[in-house]
Amino acid sequence: MEINHLLFWGMFGLTAELFFTALTELITKKNYNLMGHTSIYMFPIYALGLSYGVGLWK
């Protein structure tokens, strides 16, 4: 597994979580600031979890 895959999927997971939490607050609390939140500790979880099946289709 390449480091590029880990970095890409880690950043993708953090970005998706930011968008999801911002949209959730927009819908539920009508907060128009669109401020999402995430934790840096989620980076390795997203990097390893989302890149798990990358080598299966090669």
N, C-alpha and C. Protein backbone atom coordinates (compact mmCIF):
# COMPACT_ATOMS: atom_id res chain seq x y z
N MET A 1 0.85 -1.18 0.00
CA MET A 1 0.00 0.00 0.00
C MET A 1 0.90 1.24 0.00
N GLU A 2 0.56 2.18 -0.83
CA GLU A 2 1.37 3.38 -0.96
C GLU A 2 0.92 4.44 0.05
N ILE A 3 1.86 5.29 0.38
CA ILE A 3 1.56 6.37 1.32
C ILE A 3 0.57 7.36 0.70
N ASN A 4 0.58 7.48 -0.64
CA ASN A 4 -0.35 8.38 -1.31
C ASN A 4 -1.80 7.98 -1.06
N HIS A 5 -2.07 6.67 -1.06
CA HIS A 5 -3.43 6.20 -0.79
C HIS A 5 -3.85 6.52 0.63
N LEU A 6 -2.95 6.32 1.57
CA LEU A 6 -3.27 6.60 2.97
C LEU A 6 -3.55 8.08 3.19
N LEU A 7 -2.71 8.94 2.60
CA LEU A 7 -2.93 10.37 2.75
C LEU A 7 -4.23 10.82 2.09
N PHE A 8 -4.49 10.30 0.89
CA PHE A 8 -5.71 10.69 0.18
C PHE A 8 -6.95 10.28 0.96
N TRP A 9 -7.03 9.02 1.38
CA TRP A 9 -8.24 8.56 2.07
C TRP A 9 -8.38 9.15 3.45
N GLY A 10 -7.26 9.44 4.11
CA GLY A 10 -7.33 10.13 5.40
C GLY A 10 -7.90 11.53 5.27
N MET A 11 -7.40 12.28 4.29
CA MET A 11 -7.89 13.64 4.08
C MET A 11 -9.33 13.63 3.55
N PHE A 12 -9.66 12.65 2.71
CA PHE A 12 -11.02 12.53 2.21
C PHE A 12 -12.00 12.28 3.36
N GLY A 13 -11.63 11.41 4.28
CA GLY A 13 -12.49 11.11 5.43
C GLY A 13 -12.70 12.33 6.32
N LEU A 14 -11.63 13.07 6.58
CA LEU A 14 -11.77 14.27 7.40
C LEU A 14 -12.64 15.32 6.72
N THR A 15 -12.45 15.49 5.41
CA THR A 15 -13.24 16.47 4.66
C THR A 15 -14.71 16.07 4.63
N ALA A 16 -14.98 14.78 4.40
CA ALA A 16 -16.36 14.31 4.38
C ALA A 16 -17.02 14.51 5.75
N GLU A 17 -16.28 14.28 6.81
CA GLU A 17 -16.84 14.47 8.15
C GLU A 17 -17.12 15.95 8.42
N LEU A 18 -16.24 16.82 7.96
CA LEU A 18 -16.48 18.26 8.12
C LEU A 18 -17.75 18.70 7.40
N PHE A 19 -17.92 18.26 6.15
CA PHE A 19 -19.12 18.61 5.40
C PHE A 19 -20.37 18.02 6.06
N PHE A 20 -20.29 16.78 6.51
CA PHE A 20 -21.44 16.13 7.11
C PHE A 20 -21.87 16.82 8.39
N THR A 21 -20.91 17.16 9.25
CA THR A 21 -21.29 17.82 10.51
C THR A 21 -21.80 19.24 10.27
N ALA A 22 -21.25 19.93 9.28
CA ALA A 22 -21.74 21.27 8.97
C ALA A 22 -23.16 21.22 8.41
N LEU A 23 -23.43 20.28 7.51
CA LEU A 23 -24.78 20.16 6.95
C LEU A 23 -25.78 19.68 7.99
N THR A 24 -25.35 18.84 8.89
CA THR A 24 -26.24 18.37 9.95
C THR A 24 -26.66 19.53 10.85
N GLU A 25 -25.70 20.40 11.20
CA GLU A 25 -26.06 21.55 12.03
C GLU A 25 -26.92 22.55 11.26
N LEU A 26 -26.72 22.64 9.95
CA LEU A 26 -27.55 23.52 9.14
C LEU A 26 -28.99 23.04 9.13
N ILE A 27 -29.20 21.74 8.99
CA ILE A 27 -30.55 21.19 8.91
C ILE A 27 -31.23 21.16 10.28
N THR A 28 -30.51 20.74 11.30
CA THR A 28 -31.16 20.55 12.60
C THR A 28 -31.26 21.84 13.42
N LYS A 29 -30.21 22.66 13.41
CA LYS A 29 -30.19 23.85 14.26
C LYS A 29 -30.33 25.15 13.48
N LYS A 30 -30.46 25.06 12.16
CA LYS A 30 -30.54 26.26 11.30
C LYS A 30 -29.34 27.18 11.52
N ASN A 31 -28.17 26.57 11.71
CA ASN A 31 -26.94 27.33 11.91
C ASN A 31 -26.32 27.57 10.55
N TYR A 32 -26.37 28.82 10.08
CA TYR A 32 -25.91 29.15 8.74
C TYR A 32 -24.41 29.43 8.67
N ASN A 33 -23.68 29.25 9.75
CA ASN A 33 -22.24 29.46 9.73
C ASN A 33 -21.49 28.33 9.03
N LEU A 34 -22.11 27.17 8.92
CA LEU A 34 -21.52 25.99 8.30
C LEU A 34 -20.14 25.67 8.88
N MET A 35 -20.08 25.60 10.19
CA MET A 35 -18.84 25.23 10.86
C MET A 35 -18.92 23.77 11.28
N GLY A 36 -18.18 22.93 10.57
CA GLY A 36 -18.13 21.52 10.91
C GLY A 36 -17.02 21.26 11.92
N HIS A 37 -16.98 20.06 12.44
CA HIS A 37 -15.93 19.70 13.38
C HIS A 37 -15.51 18.25 13.16
N THR A 38 -14.27 17.99 13.46
CA THR A 38 -13.71 16.65 13.37
C THR A 38 -12.55 16.55 14.36
N SER A 39 -11.95 15.41 14.43
CA SER A 39 -10.81 15.20 15.32
C SER A 39 -9.63 14.68 14.52
N ILE A 40 -8.44 15.14 14.86
CA ILE A 40 -7.24 14.69 14.16
C ILE A 40 -7.00 13.20 14.42
N TYR A 41 -7.55 12.67 15.50
CA TYR A 41 -7.39 11.25 15.81
C TYR A 41 -8.17 10.36 14.85
N MET A 42 -9.08 10.93 14.08
CA MET A 42 -9.83 10.15 13.09
C MET A 42 -9.03 9.92 11.81
N PHE A 43 -7.94 10.67 11.61
CA PHE A 43 -7.16 10.53 10.38
C PHE A 43 -6.66 9.10 10.15
N PRO A 44 -5.99 8.45 11.12
CA PRO A 44 -5.55 7.08 10.85
C PRO A 44 -6.70 6.09 10.68
N ILE A 45 -7.81 6.35 11.32
CA ILE A 45 -8.96 5.46 11.18
C ILE A 45 -9.51 5.55 9.76
N TYR A 46 -9.65 6.77 9.24
CA TYR A 46 -10.11 6.93 7.86
C TYR A 46 -9.07 6.43 6.88
N ALA A 47 -7.80 6.71 7.12
CA ALA A 47 -6.75 6.31 6.19
C ALA A 47 -6.68 4.79 6.05
N LEU A 48 -6.72 4.09 7.14
CA LEU A 48 -6.62 2.63 7.09
C LEU A 48 -7.95 1.98 6.73
N GLY A 49 -9.03 2.56 7.22
CA GLY A 49 -10.34 1.96 6.97
C GLY A 49 -10.83 2.14 5.54
N LEU A 50 -10.63 3.32 4.97
CA LEU A 50 -11.12 3.57 3.63
C LEU A 50 -10.20 3.02 2.56
N SER A 51 -8.94 2.82 2.88
CA SER A 51 -8.00 2.29 1.88
C SER A 51 -7.86 0.77 2.00
N TYR A 52 -8.71 0.14 2.76
CA TYR A 52 -8.57 -1.30 3.00
C TYR A 52 -8.72 -2.11 1.73
N GLY A 53 -9.65 -1.80 0.86
CA GLY A 53 -9.89 -2.61 -0.33
C GLY A 53 -9.29 -2.04 -1.59
N VAL A 54 -8.32 -1.13 -1.48
CA VAL A 54 -7.75 -0.49 -2.67
C VAL A 54 -7.05 -1.50 -3.56
N GLY A 55 -6.32 -2.42 -3.00
CA GLY A 55 -5.56 -3.39 -3.80
C GLY A 55 -6.39 -4.52 -4.36
N LEU A 56 -7.68 -4.58 -4.08
CA LEU A 56 -8.49 -5.71 -4.53
C LEU A 56 -8.80 -5.68 -6.02
N TRP A 57 -8.87 -4.50 -6.61
CA TRP A 57 -9.25 -4.44 -8.01
C TRP A 57 -8.05 -4.30 -8.95
N LYS A 58 -6.84 -4.33 -8.43
CA LYS A 58 -5.66 -4.24 -9.29
C LYS A 58 -5.28 -5.60 -9.83
